[in-house]
Amino acid sequence: MKNKFSQLNKFNINLPEVRGVIKKNFELSRLSWLRVGGPASVFFQPEDEEDLCFFLSNLDSSIPIFVIGACSNLIIRDGGIPGIVIKLGKNFSKIKYNINDISVGAGCRDSYFAQICAKDGFDFSFLRTIPGNIGGAVKMNAGCYGSYLSDYLIGLTLIRRDGSIADMKASDFKFSYRNSNIPDDAIITNVLLRKELDDPLRIEMKMTRALDIRNLSQPTKDLSCGSTFRNPLGRSSLEDKYDNDHSLKAWKLIDDAGLRGAKIGGAMVSKKHTNFLINTGNATAKDIEDLGKFIIKKVKTNSGINLIWEVKRVGKY
């Protein structure tokens, strides 16, 4: 196949000719839930696994890549992301029921997957209120209401930086609260999950109740990436109705530091849920990240506890 050549952001990028979509200097703020961030040198949306493997195997190994999903847990800095930004498209979103498991593409939305499975009596209701895609949910071991994706994970397919493809078992990796050791430069393309059977009506009721709780307690109509910091307690703020231990939850530590409604530029600590940072309309990525850093400092001074970012920050300042 022929190659295209472009020089972007100091990288001489020799781009393989592919069947998917390639865009240069693509504005990532269009995809960001916070509506902030600079451009990607190159944005690539592969057609399928074969297309992705070919692209990576024919791309200079010195060129950095970064994989994005729904961008629901990501602050893209104002200078953008140099190199290649890869986003999986609709062909990576297929759901298939097998005899012993469920196969789902990494690009499938968490909430959509939960709804589809609920109709057939498979309970993934805990994913209904989690923004983002399945691939990202596996990578960060997303969860709430006492359930985590690693509890259901059987295996996954990933493509390495050199374009090689591998089917891995869940036991090949380590998972913890909001974390896994899946390599950052590996791209998850498909996931196998254990079936959890329940009555479809009961699952729908659980999802409706979860949505109601979320809408009451979180600023769902604001530009936000959800929980900004991990809970030092080591579990979600939405565990169950009996979870009344707030002492080591990030929102409580931030609130106790007097930061409800605090602002830097166009970024603000939500008055509804203090672990949410929102773009009030004209925030830059720097505003949001600076506000996060300010929160960490104030909470440390007030409580002695170091908050750890849950939202990823990537790109150039």
Protein backbone atom coordinates (compact mmCIF):
# COMPACT_ATOMS: atom_id res chain seq x y z
CA MET A 1 0.00 0.00 0.00
CA LYS A 2 1.05 3.60 -0.60
CA ASN A 3 2.00 5.89 2.23
CA LYS A 4 1.05 9.46 2.98
CA PHE A 5 3.50 11.88 4.52
CA SER A 6 2.87 14.82 6.79
CA GLN A 7 4.88 16.86 9.27
CA LEU A 8 2.84 17.76 12.33
CA ASN A 9 3.88 19.03 15.75
CA LYS A 10 7.57 18.25 15.12
CA PHE A 11 6.80 14.63 14.16
CA ASN A 12 7.57 13.33 10.70
CA ILE A 13 4.59 11.02 10.57
CA ASN A 14 4.57 8.42 7.84
CA LEU A 15 0.90 7.42 7.78
CA PRO A 16 -0.09 4.02 6.41
CA GLU A 17 -3.02 4.11 4.02
CA VAL A 18 -5.99 2.59 5.80
CA ARG A 19 -9.70 1.92 5.34
CA GLY A 20 -10.64 3.90 8.42
CA VAL A 21 -10.83 7.65 8.96
CA ILE A 22 -7.72 9.83 9.34
CA LYS A 23 -7.93 13.53 10.17
CA LYS A 24 -5.06 15.93 10.78
CA ASN A 25 -5.05 18.67 13.44
CA PHE A 26 -8.38 17.38 14.73
CA GLU A 27 -9.93 19.50 17.49
CA LEU A 28 -10.40 17.14 20.43
CA SER A 29 -12.60 19.63 22.30
CA ARG A 30 -15.37 18.43 19.98
CA LEU A 31 -15.25 15.06 21.74
CA SER A 32 -14.45 16.20 25.28
CA TRP A 33 -17.24 16.06 27.87
CA LEU A 34 -15.69 19.20 29.33
CA ARG A 35 -15.53 20.86 25.87
CA VAL A 36 -11.88 21.80 26.41
CA GLY A 37 -8.55 20.78 24.91
CA GLY A 38 -6.33 21.35 21.92
CA PRO A 39 -5.95 19.33 18.72
CA ALA A 40 -4.58 15.89 17.95
CA SER A 41 -1.73 15.89 15.46
CA VAL A 42 -3.45 12.94 13.80
CA PHE A 43 -6.83 11.43 14.66
CA PHE A 44 -7.43 7.85 13.50
CA GLN A 45 -10.66 5.86 13.67
CA PRO A 46 -9.96 2.34 12.39
CA GLU A 47 -12.51 0.39 10.37
CA ASP A 48 -11.92 -2.87 12.24
CA GLU A 49 -9.27 -4.88 14.09
CA GLU A 50 -7.42 -5.76 10.90
CA ASP A 51 -7.26 -2.09 9.92
CA LEU A 52 -5.93 -1.14 13.37
CA CYS A 53 -3.32 -3.91 13.35
CA PHE A 54 -2.10 -2.87 9.90
CA PHE A 55 -1.89 0.78 10.90
CA LEU A 56 0.14 0.10 14.05
CA SER A 57 2.44 -2.45 12.46
CA ASN A 58 3.32 0.05 9.71
CA LEU A 59 3.66 3.09 11.96
CA ASP A 60 7.08 4.26 13.11
CA SER A 61 7.50 2.89 16.64
CA SER A 62 8.83 6.28 17.83
CA ILE A 63 5.49 7.97 17.16
CA PRO A 64 3.42 8.17 20.37
CA ILE A 65 -0.17 6.94 20.35
CA PHE A 66 -3.00 7.68 22.74
CA VAL A 67 -6.35 5.90 22.82
CA ILE A 68 -9.52 7.74 23.72
CA GLY A 69 -13.01 6.42 24.33
CA ALA A 70 -15.96 8.62 25.16
CA CYS A 71 -13.60 11.18 26.78
CA SER A 72 -15.81 11.09 29.86
CA ASN A 73 -12.89 10.69 32.26
CA LEU A 74 -10.32 12.87 30.55
CA ILE A 75 -8.95 16.39 30.72
CA ILE A 76 -7.29 17.12 27.38
CA ARG A 77 -4.85 19.95 27.93
CA ASP A 78 -4.99 23.13 25.86
CA GLY A 79 -1.88 22.27 23.83
CA GLY A 80 -3.50 19.14 22.48
CA ILE A 81 -2.04 15.66 22.04
CA PRO A 82 0.99 15.22 19.77
CA GLY A 83 1.28 12.06 17.70
CA ILE A 84 -1.64 9.73 16.98
CA VAL A 85 -4.96 9.74 18.81
CA ILE A 86 -6.99 6.58 18.18
CA LYS A 87 -10.72 6.22 18.79
CA LEU A 88 -12.66 3.02 18.16
CA GLY A 89 -15.82 3.47 16.07
CA LYS A 90 -19.17 1.73 15.66
CA ASN A 91 -17.67 -1.51 14.35
CA PHE A 92 -16.10 -1.99 17.78
CA SER A 93 -19.45 -1.75 19.57
CA LYS A 94 -21.09 -5.08 18.77
CA ILE A 95 -22.75 -7.22 21.45
CA LYS A 96 -22.98 -11.00 21.09
CA TYR A 97 -24.49 -13.52 23.47
CA ASN A 98 -22.49 -16.75 23.63
CA ILE A 99 -23.39 -19.93 25.51
CA ASN A 100 -21.20 -19.18 28.50
CA ASP A 101 -20.45 -15.46 28.21
CA ILE A 102 -21.23 -12.16 26.54
CA SER A 103 -18.87 -10.65 23.97
CA VAL A 104 -18.91 -6.87 23.68
CA GLY A 105 -16.80 -4.48 21.65
CA ALA A 106 -14.63 -2.06 23.61
CA GLY A 107 -16.27 0.92 21.88
CA CYS A 108 -19.74 0.10 23.19
CA ARG A 109 -21.17 2.63 25.64
CA ASP A 110 -21.52 1.33 29.19
CA SER A 111 -25.08 2.60 29.59
CA TYR A 112 -26.21 1.16 26.24
CA PHE A 113 -24.73 -2.23 27.07
CA ALA A 114 -26.52 -2.28 30.42
CA GLN A 115 -29.85 -1.46 28.79
CA ILE A 116 -29.53 -4.05 26.02
CA CYS A 117 -28.53 -6.78 28.45
CA ALA A 118 -31.34 -5.90 30.85
CA LYS A 119 -33.97 -6.69 28.20
CA ASP A 120 -32.65 -10.26 28.02
CA GLY A 121 -32.27 -10.74 31.74
CA PHE A 122 -28.54 -10.14 32.09
CA ASP A 123 -27.77 -7.84 34.99
CA PHE A 124 -25.13 -5.18 34.36
CA SER A 125 -27.26 -2.50 35.98
CA PHE A 126 -24.25 -0.99 37.78
CA LEU A 127 -22.98 0.21 34.39
CA ARG A 128 -26.17 2.16 33.63
CA THR A 129 -25.01 5.36 35.31
CA ILE A 130 -21.32 5.09 34.38
CA PRO A 131 -20.35 7.29 31.43
CA GLY A 132 -17.81 6.05 28.93
CA ASN A 133 -17.12 2.92 26.92
CA ILE A 134 -16.55 -0.70 27.89
CA GLY A 135 -12.84 -0.60 27.02
CA GLY A 136 -12.21 2.31 29.35
CA ALA A 137 -14.38 0.72 32.03
CA VAL A 138 -12.16 -2.37 31.95
CA LYS A 139 -8.96 -0.35 31.95
CA MET A 140 -9.97 1.70 35.00
CA ASN A 141 -12.04 -1.08 36.61
CA ALA A 142 -15.15 1.09 36.70
CA GLY A 143 -17.88 0.34 39.17
CA CYS A 144 -20.48 1.54 41.64
CA TYR A 145 -23.11 0.18 44.01
CA GLY A 146 -20.60 -2.41 45.21
CA SER A 147 -19.95 -3.95 41.76
CA TYR A 148 -16.86 -3.58 39.57
CA LEU A 149 -16.28 -4.65 36.00
CA SER A 150 -13.44 -6.94 37.04
CA ASP A 151 -16.02 -8.99 38.99
CA TYR A 152 -17.53 -10.05 35.65
CA LEU A 153 -14.47 -10.08 33.40
CA ILE A 154 -13.49 -13.39 31.79
CA GLY A 155 -11.07 -12.18 29.16
CA LEU A 156 -10.26 -9.53 26.60
CA THR A 157 -8.70 -9.00 23.20
CA LEU A 158 -6.05 -6.35 22.91
CA ILE A 159 -3.78 -5.01 20.19
CA ARG A 160 -0.26 -4.10 21.20
CA ARG A 161 1.72 -1.08 20.01
CA ASP A 162 3.49 -3.19 17.37
CA GLY A 163 0.17 -4.25 15.85
CA SER A 164 0.15 -7.79 17.25
CA ILE A 165 -3.14 -9.08 18.62
CA ALA A 166 -3.64 -11.22 21.72
CA ASP A 167 -6.51 -12.87 23.60
CA MET A 168 -5.89 -12.54 27.32
CA LYS A 169 -7.53 -13.93 30.46
CA ALA A 170 -8.74 -11.70 33.28
CA SER A 171 -6.26 -13.52 35.53
CA ASP A 172 -3.41 -12.17 33.39
CA PHE A 173 -3.99 -8.74 34.94
CA LYS A 174 -4.36 -7.18 38.37
CA PHE A 175 -7.36 -5.00 39.19
CA SER A 176 -7.99 -2.69 42.11
CA TYR A 177 -10.18 0.31 42.91
CA ARG A 178 -10.21 2.49 39.78
CA ASN A 179 -7.09 0.84 38.43
CA SER A 180 -5.58 -2.04 36.46
CA ASN A 181 -2.15 -2.95 35.11
CA ILE A 182 -3.32 -3.26 31.50
CA PRO A 183 -0.53 -1.55 29.51
CA ASP A 184 -1.26 2.04 28.51
CA ASP A 185 -0.14 1.45 24.93
CA ALA A 186 -2.33 -1.65 24.48
CA ILE A 187 -5.72 -1.12 22.84
CA ILE A 188 -8.60 -3.22 24.16
CA THR A 189 -10.88 -4.13 21.25
CA ASN A 190 -13.22 -6.75 22.70
CA VAL A 191 -14.27 -8.01 26.13
CA LEU A 192 -15.78 -11.28 27.41
CA LEU A 193 -18.04 -10.97 30.45
CA ARG A 194 -19.71 -13.46 32.76
CA LYS A 195 -23.50 -13.62 32.54
CA GLU A 196 -25.41 -12.54 35.63
CA LEU A 197 -29.03 -13.64 35.25
CA ASP A 198 -31.97 -11.84 36.84
CA ASP A 199 -35.56 -10.91 36.07
CA PRO A 200 -35.63 -8.17 33.37
CA LEU A 201 -38.21 -6.15 35.30
CA ARG A 202 -36.11 -6.23 38.47
CA ILE A 203 -33.04 -5.13 36.51
CA GLU A 204 -34.99 -2.23 34.96
CA MET A 205 -36.13 -1.17 38.43
CA LYS A 206 -32.54 -1.19 39.69
CA MET A 207 -31.42 0.96 36.77
CA THR A 208 -34.28 3.41 37.23
CA ARG A 209 -33.47 3.75 40.94
CA ALA A 210 -29.78 4.30 40.12
CA LEU A 211 -30.63 7.03 37.62
CA ASP A 212 -32.89 8.73 40.15
CA ILE A 213 -30.15 8.70 42.78
CA ARG A 214 -27.61 10.05 40.31
CA ASN A 215 -29.88 12.86 39.14
CA LEU A 216 -30.59 13.89 42.74
CA SER A 217 -26.97 13.89 43.88
CA GLN A 218 -24.89 14.78 40.79
CA PRO A 219 -24.78 17.77 38.38
CA THR A 220 -25.79 15.67 35.37
CA LYS A 221 -26.72 18.71 33.25
CA ASP A 222 -23.36 20.46 33.66
CA LEU A 223 -20.16 20.00 31.64
CA SER A 224 -18.22 17.62 33.86
CA CYS A 225 -16.16 14.41 33.83
CA GLY A 226 -17.84 12.94 36.89
CA SER A 227 -15.81 12.12 39.99
CA THR A 228 -12.54 14.05 39.84
CA PHE A 229 -10.67 12.31 42.67
CA ARG A 230 -10.55 8.76 43.97
CA ASN A 231 -12.13 8.11 47.32
CA PRO A 232 -9.39 7.49 49.93
CA LEU A 233 -11.85 5.01 51.44
CA GLY A 234 -11.17 2.83 48.38
CA ARG A 235 -14.70 2.41 47.12
CA SER A 236 -17.37 4.30 45.19
CA SER A 237 -19.48 7.04 46.72
CA LEU A 238 -22.48 5.14 45.38
CA GLU A 239 -22.09 1.79 47.15
CA ASP A 240 -25.50 1.03 48.59
CA LYS A 241 -28.17 2.63 50.70
CA TYR A 242 -26.54 1.42 53.92
CA ASP A 243 -23.17 3.01 53.13
CA ASN A 244 -23.16 5.93 55.54
CA ASP A 245 -19.40 6.18 56.15
CA HIS A 246 -18.56 9.51 54.48
CA SER A 247 -15.41 10.28 56.47
CA LEU A 248 -12.95 9.28 53.75
CA LYS A 249 -14.97 10.12 50.67
CA ALA A 250 -13.49 12.73 48.38
CA TRP A 251 -16.61 14.91 48.23
CA LYS A 252 -16.73 15.15 52.04
CA LEU A 253 -13.04 16.04 52.32
CA ILE A 254 -13.47 18.75 49.68
CA ASP A 255 -16.59 20.08 51.35
CA ASP A 256 -14.92 20.12 54.77
CA ALA A 257 -12.10 22.19 53.24
CA GLY A 258 -14.69 24.88 52.39
CA LEU A 259 -14.40 24.45 48.62
CA ARG A 260 -18.02 24.00 47.57
CA GLY A 261 -18.55 26.47 44.70
CA ALA A 262 -14.85 27.46 44.53
CA LYS A 263 -13.76 28.85 41.14
CA ILE A 264 -10.68 29.38 39.01
CA GLY A 265 -11.46 31.08 35.72
CA GLY A 266 -14.38 29.27 34.14
CA ALA A 267 -13.92 26.13 36.25
CA MET A 268 -15.98 25.57 39.39
CA VAL A 269 -16.42 23.01 42.13
CA SER A 270 -20.01 21.83 41.80
CA LYS A 271 -22.32 23.05 44.53
CA LYS A 272 -24.37 19.89 44.11
CA HIS A 273 -21.50 17.37 44.39
CA THR A 274 -18.11 18.69 45.45
CA ASN A 275 -16.11 15.91 43.76
CA PHE A 276 -17.33 17.19 40.39
CA LEU A 277 -15.47 19.98 38.60
CA ILE A 278 -17.56 21.72 35.98
CA ASN A 279 -16.97 23.99 33.04
CA THR A 280 -19.32 26.93 33.60
CA GLY A 281 -19.05 27.84 29.93
CA ASN A 282 -15.70 29.44 29.22
CA ALA A 283 -13.19 27.31 31.14
CA THR A 284 -9.88 26.22 29.69
CA ALA A 285 -8.31 22.87 30.47
CA LYS A 286 -5.76 24.81 32.53
CA ASP A 287 -8.55 26.35 34.65
CA ILE A 288 -9.92 22.90 35.44
CA GLU A 289 -6.56 21.31 36.18
CA ASP A 290 -5.44 24.28 38.28
CA LEU A 291 -8.65 24.06 40.30
CA GLY A 292 -7.97 20.37 40.87
CA LYS A 293 -4.44 21.12 42.06
CA PHE A 294 -5.80 23.82 44.40
CA ILE A 295 -8.28 21.32 45.86
CA ILE A 296 -5.52 18.77 46.49
CA LYS A 297 -3.46 21.40 48.35
CA LYS A 298 -6.37 22.67 50.47
CA VAL A 299 -7.59 19.18 51.39
CA LYS A 300 -4.06 18.18 52.39
CA THR A 301 -3.79 21.26 54.61
CA ASN A 302 -7.22 20.72 56.14
CA SER A 303 -7.22 16.95 56.66
CA GLY A 304 -3.70 15.69 56.02
CA ILE A 305 -5.00 13.44 53.24
CA ASN A 306 -3.60 13.42 49.71
CA LEU A 307 -6.35 13.21 47.11
CA ILE A 308 -5.47 11.23 43.98
CA TRP A 309 -6.80 12.17 40.58
CA GLU A 310 -9.40 9.82 39.11
CA VAL A 311 -9.76 11.91 35.96
CA LYS A 312 -6.79 11.52 33.61
CA ARG A 313 -4.92 14.62 32.38
CA VAL A 314 -3.17 14.25 29.03
CA GLY A 315 -1.48 16.35 26.36
CA LYS A 316 0.62 19.49 26.24
CA TYR A 317 0.11 22.54 28.45
